[in-house]
Amino acid sequence: MLWEHAGLAVEPSAALGVAAMLEGPGRFAGRHVVTIICGSDTGMDAHQRCLRR
């Protein structure tokens, strides 16, 4: 989803904050929410495998 909507290739653990917000949006409604998204450990091989799924 991060790749499709924002063009971001991130490592799986970096997407947990976004996944939590998508799973329970009511929990975060009306709040300012920050999550750190990184991908420095994502190599092109892993990136290509994720895109094929």
PDB file of N, CA and C in Angstrom:
ATOM      1  N   MET A   1       0.820  -1.185   0.000  1.00  0.00           N
ATOM      2  CA  MET A   1       0.000   0.000   0.000  1.00  0.00           C
ATOM      3  C   MET A   1       0.868   1.255   0.000  1.00  0.00           C
ATOM      4  N   LEU A   2       1.935   1.246   0.777  1.00  0.00           N
ATOM      5  CA  LEU A   2       2.815   2.420   0.798  1.00  0.00           C
ATOM      6  C   LEU A   2       3.477   2.638  -0.559  1.00  0.00           C
ATOM      7  N   TRP A   3       3.818   1.553  -1.234  1.00  0.00           N
ATOM      8  CA  TRP A   3       4.417   1.677  -2.564  1.00  0.00           C
ATOM      9  C   TRP A   3       3.384   2.194  -3.561  1.00  0.00           C
ATOM     10  N   GLU A   4       2.212   1.611  -3.550  1.00  0.00           N
ATOM     11  CA  GLU A   4       1.182   1.975  -4.522  1.00  0.00           C
ATOM     12  C   GLU A   4       0.696   3.410  -4.366  1.00  0.00           C
ATOM     13  N   HIS A   5       0.550   3.876  -3.129  1.00  0.00           N
ATOM     14  CA  HIS A   5      -0.028   5.198  -2.897  1.00  0.00           C
ATOM     15  C   HIS A   5       0.986   6.315  -2.699  1.00  0.00           C
ATOM     16  N   ALA A   6       2.181   5.970  -2.232  1.00  0.00           N
ATOM     17  CA  ALA A   6       3.167   7.015  -1.936  1.00  0.00           C
ATOM     18  C   ALA A   6       4.511   6.782  -2.605  1.00  0.00           C
ATOM     19  N   GLY A   7       4.673   5.651  -3.293  1.00  0.00           N
ATOM     20  CA  GLY A   7       5.946   5.363  -3.941  1.00  0.00           C
ATOM     21  C   GLY A   7       7.064   5.076  -2.963  1.00  0.00           C
ATOM     22  N   LEU A   8       6.707   4.582  -1.760  1.00  0.00           N
ATOM     23  CA  LEU A   8       7.701   4.316  -0.726  1.00  0.00           C
ATOM     24  C   LEU A   8       7.978   2.827  -0.616  1.00  0.00           C
ATOM     25  N   ALA A   9       9.237   2.452  -0.730  1.00  0.00           N
ATOM     26  CA  ALA A   9       9.666   1.075  -0.488  1.00  0.00           C
ATOM     27  C   ALA A   9      10.224   1.038   0.924  1.00  0.00           C
ATOM     28  N   VAL A  10       9.517   0.373   1.826  1.00  0.00           N
ATOM     29  CA  VAL A  10       9.931   0.358   3.228  1.00  0.00           C
ATOM     30  C   VAL A  10      10.144  -1.072   3.696  1.00  0.00           C
ATOM     31  N   GLU A  11      10.949  -1.212   4.739  1.00  0.00           N
ATOM     32  CA  GLU A  11      11.124  -2.527   5.321  1.00  0.00           C
ATOM     33  C   GLU A  11       9.842  -2.886   6.089  1.00  0.00           C
ATOM     34  N   PRO A  12       9.493  -4.163   6.169  1.00  0.00           N
ATOM     35  CA  PRO A  12       8.217  -4.558   6.759  1.00  0.00           C
ATOM     36  C   PRO A  12       7.949  -4.002   8.157  1.00  0.00           C
ATOM     37  N   SER A  13       8.936  -4.016   9.017  1.00  0.00           N
ATOM     38  CA  SER A  13       8.706  -3.510  10.371  1.00  0.00           C
ATOM     39  C   SER A  13       8.427  -2.010  10.388  1.00  0.00           C
ATOM     40  N   ALA A  14       8.872  -1.295   9.372  1.00  0.00           N
ATOM     41  CA  ALA A  14       8.632   0.146   9.310  1.00  0.00           C
ATOM     42  C   ALA A  14       7.176   0.465   8.988  1.00  0.00           C
ATOM     43  N   ALA A  15       6.454  -0.492   8.442  1.00  0.00           N
ATOM     44  CA  ALA A  15       5.061  -0.263   8.068  1.00  0.00           C
ATOM     45  C   ALA A  15       4.093  -0.572   9.207  1.00  0.00           C
ATOM     46  N   LEU A  16       4.583  -1.017  10.354  1.00  0.00           N
ATOM     47  CA  LEU A  16       3.694  -1.405  11.447  1.00  0.00           C
ATOM     48  C   LEU A  16       2.835  -0.252  11.957  1.00  0.00           C
ATOM     49  N   GLY A  17       3.397   0.923  12.055  1.00  0.00           N
ATOM     50  CA  GLY A  17       2.620   2.076  12.518  1.00  0.00           C
ATOM     51  C   GLY A  17       1.474   2.393  11.575  1.00  0.00           C
ATOM     52  N   VAL A  18       1.732   2.349  10.291  1.00  0.00           N
ATOM     53  CA  VAL A  18       0.690   2.589   9.297  1.00  0.00           C
ATOM     54  C   VAL A  18      -0.352   1.480   9.362  1.00  0.00           C
ATOM     55  N   ALA A  19       0.096   0.234   9.499  1.00  0.00           N
ATOM     56  CA  ALA A  19      -0.830  -0.898   9.589  1.00  0.00           C
ATOM     57  C   ALA A  19      -1.743  -0.758  10.805  1.00  0.00           C
ATOM     58  N   ALA A  20      -1.201  -0.317  11.920  1.00  0.00           N
ATOM     59  CA  ALA A  20      -2.021  -0.128  13.127  1.00  0.00           C
ATOM     60  C   ALA A  20      -3.090   0.923  12.901  1.00  0.00           C
ATOM     61  N   MET A  21      -2.736   2.002  12.228  1.00  0.00           N
ATOM     62  CA  MET A  21      -3.724   3.056  11.956  1.00  0.00           C
ATOM     63  C   MET A  21      -4.811   2.583  10.998  1.00  0.00           C
ATOM     64  N   LEU A  22      -4.435   1.770  10.016  1.00  0.00           N
ATOM     65  CA  LEU A  22      -5.418   1.249   9.078  1.00  0.00           C
ATOM     66  C   LEU A  22      -6.316   0.198   9.721  1.00  0.00           C
ATOM     67  N   GLU A  23      -5.777  -0.567  10.644  1.00  0.00           N
ATOM     68  CA  GLU A  23      -6.533  -1.624  11.311  1.00  0.00           C
ATOM     69  C   GLU A  23      -7.573  -1.069  12.285  1.00  0.00           C
ATOM     70  N   GLY A  24      -7.234   0.034  12.959  1.00  0.00           N
ATOM     71  CA  GLY A  24      -8.149   0.606  13.954  1.00  0.00           C
ATOM     72  C   GLY A  24      -8.258   2.109  13.831  1.00  0.00           C
ATOM     73  N   PRO A  25      -8.813   2.608  12.730  1.00  0.00           N
ATOM     74  CA  PRO A  25      -8.840   4.062  12.523  1.00  0.00           C
ATOM     75  C   PRO A  25      -9.601   4.827  13.601  1.00  0.00           C
ATOM     76  N   GLY A  26     -10.604   4.222  14.201  1.00  0.00           N
ATOM     77  CA  GLY A  26     -11.351   4.901  15.254  1.00  0.00           C
ATOM     78  C   GLY A  26     -10.498   5.224  16.460  1.00  0.00           C
ATOM     79  N   ARG A  27      -9.521   4.402  16.715  1.00  0.00           N
ATOM     80  CA  ARG A  27      -8.622   4.612  17.853  1.00  0.00           C
ATOM     81  C   ARG A  27      -7.811   5.899  17.700  1.00  0.00           C
ATOM     82  N   PHE A  28      -7.576   6.304  16.458  1.00  0.00           N
ATOM     83  CA  PHE A  28      -6.738   7.472  16.191  1.00  0.00           C
ATOM     84  C   PHE A  28      -7.523   8.682  15.707  1.00  0.00           C
ATOM     85  N   ALA A  29      -8.832   8.551  15.578  1.00  0.00           N
ATOM     86  CA  ALA A  29      -9.669   9.636  15.053  1.00  0.00           C
ATOM     87  C   ALA A  29      -9.528  10.899  15.908  1.00  0.00           C
ATOM     88  N   GLY A  30      -9.381  12.029  15.235  1.00  0.00           N
ATOM     89  CA  GLY A  30      -9.296  13.310  15.919  1.00  0.00           C
ATOM     90  C   GLY A  30      -7.971  13.571  16.614  1.00  0.00           C
ATOM     91  N   ARG A  31      -6.984  12.740  16.371  1.00  0.00           N
ATOM     92  CA  ARG A  31      -5.683  12.898  17.016  1.00  0.00           C
ATOM     93  C   ARG A  31      -4.609  13.171  15.968  1.00  0.00           C
ATOM     94  N   HIS A  32      -3.555  13.794  16.405  1.00  0.00           N
ATOM     95  CA  HIS A  32      -2.368  13.934  15.569  1.00  0.00           C
ATOM     96  C   HIS A  32      -1.524  12.687  15.802  1.00  0.00           C
ATOM     97  N   VAL A  33      -1.176  12.006  14.733  1.00  0.00           N
ATOM     98  CA  VAL A  33      -0.443  10.745  14.845  1.00  0.00           C
ATOM     99  C   VAL A  33       0.836  10.829  14.020  1.00  0.00           C
ATOM    100  N   VAL A  34       1.920  10.341  14.578  1.00  0.00           N
ATOM    101  CA  VAL A  34       3.208  10.308  13.888  1.00  0.00           C
ATOM    102  C   VAL A  34       3.721   8.874  13.929  1.00  0.00           C
ATOM    103  N   THR A  35       4.235   8.411  12.805  1.00  0.00           N
ATOM    104  CA  THR A  35       4.895   7.113  12.775  1.00  0.00           C
ATOM    105  C   THR A  35       6.156   7.240  11.924  1.00  0.00           C
ATOM    106  N   ILE A  36       7.174   6.542  12.299  1.00  0.00           N
ATOM    107  CA  ILE A  36       8.435   6.596  11.562  1.00  0.00           C
ATOM    108  C   ILE A  36       8.426   5.508  10.498  1.00  0.00           C
ATOM    109  N   ILE A  37       8.725   5.909   9.272  1.00  0.00           N
ATOM    110  CA  ILE A  37       8.789   4.973   8.156  1.00  0.00           C
ATOM    111  C   ILE A  37      10.203   5.026   7.606  1.00  0.00           C
ATOM    112  N   CYS A  38      10.859   3.873   7.574  1.00  0.00           N
ATOM    113  CA  CYS A  38      12.224   3.828   7.063  1.00  0.00           C
ATOM    114  C   CYS A  38      12.374   2.657   6.104  1.00  0.00           C
ATOM    115  N   GLY A  39      13.453   2.643   5.395  1.00  0.00           N
ATOM    116  CA  GLY A  39      13.671   1.565   4.453  1.00  0.00           C
ATOM    117  C   GLY A  39      15.124   1.368   4.102  1.00  0.00           C
ATOM    118  N   SER A  40      15.993   1.816   4.961  1.00  0.00           N
ATOM    119  CA  SER A  40      17.418   1.751   4.631  1.00  0.00           C
ATOM    120  C   SER A  40      17.937   0.322   4.511  1.00  0.00           C
ATOM    121  N   ASP A  41      17.245  -0.637   5.126  1.00  0.00           N
ATOM    122  CA  ASP A  41      17.691  -2.028   5.044  1.00  0.00           C
ATOM    123  C   ASP A  41      16.986  -2.813   3.935  1.00  0.00           C
ATOM    124  N   THR A  42      16.190  -2.129   3.154  1.00  0.00           N
ATOM    125  CA  THR A  42      15.465  -2.798   2.081  1.00  0.00           C
ATOM    126  C   THR A  42      16.321  -2.806   0.825  1.00  0.00           C
ATOM    127  N   GLY A  43      16.720  -3.985   0.406  1.00  0.00           N
ATOM    128  CA  GLY A  43      17.496  -4.119  -0.817  1.00  0.00           C
ATOM    129  C   GLY A  43      16.564  -4.297  -2.012  1.00  0.00           C
ATOM    130  N   MET A  44      17.106  -4.147  -3.189  1.00  0.00           N
ATOM    131  CA  MET A  44      16.284  -4.267  -4.389  1.00  0.00           C
ATOM    132  C   MET A  44      15.714  -5.673  -4.546  1.00  0.00           C
ATOM    133  N   ASP A  45      16.426  -6.705  -4.117  1.00  0.00           N
ATOM    134  CA  ASP A  45      15.896  -8.067  -4.206  1.00  0.00           C
ATOM    135  C   ASP A  45      14.631  -8.214  -3.359  1.00  0.00           C
ATOM    136  N   ALA A  46      14.693  -7.741  -2.133  1.00  0.00           N
ATOM    137  CA  ALA A  46      13.519  -7.819  -1.256  1.00  0.00           C
ATOM    138  C   ALA A  46      12.388  -6.968  -1.815  1.00  0.00           C
ATOM    139  N   HIS A  47      12.729  -5.838  -2.338  1.00  0.00           N
ATOM    140  CA  HIS A  47      11.725  -4.940  -2.913  1.00  0.00           C
ATOM    141  C   HIS A  47      10.996  -5.634  -4.068  1.00  0.00           C
ATOM    142  N   GLN A  48      11.727  -6.264  -4.952  1.00  0.00           N
ATOM    143  CA  GLN A  48      11.131  -6.962  -6.088  1.00  0.00           C
ATOM    144  C   GLN A  48      10.259  -8.129  -5.624  1.00  0.00           C
ATOM    145  N   ARG A  49      10.677  -8.863  -4.594  1.00  0.00           N
ATOM    146  CA  ARG A  49       9.873  -9.970  -4.072  1.00  0.00           C
ATOM    147  C   ARG A  49       8.548  -9.470  -3.536  1.00  0.00           C
ATOM    148  N   CYS A  50       8.564  -8.339  -2.847  1.00  0.00           N
ATOM    149  CA  CYS A  50       7.328  -7.778  -2.290  1.00  0.00           C
ATOM    150  C   CYS A  50       6.375  -7.338  -3.388  1.00  0.00           C
ATOM    151  N   LEU A  51       6.916  -6.783  -4.435  1.00  0.00           N
ATOM    152  CA  LEU A  51       6.064  -6.325  -5.537  1.00  0.00           C
ATOM    153  C   LEU A  51       5.413  -7.470  -6.282  1.00  0.00           C
ATOM    154  N   ARG A  52       6.052  -8.633  -6.283  1.00  0.00           N
ATOM    155  CA  ARG A  52       5.493  -9.800  -6.979  1.00  0.00           C
ATOM    156  C   ARG A  52       4.372 -10.458  -6.205  1.00  0.00           C
ATOM    157  N   ARG A  53       4.251 -10.189  -4.906  1.00  0.00           N
ATOM    158  CA  ARG A  53       3.220 -10.839  -4.083  1.00  0.00           C
ATOM    159  C   ARG A  53       1.858 -10.300  -4.366  1.00  0.00           C
TER     160      ARG A  53
END
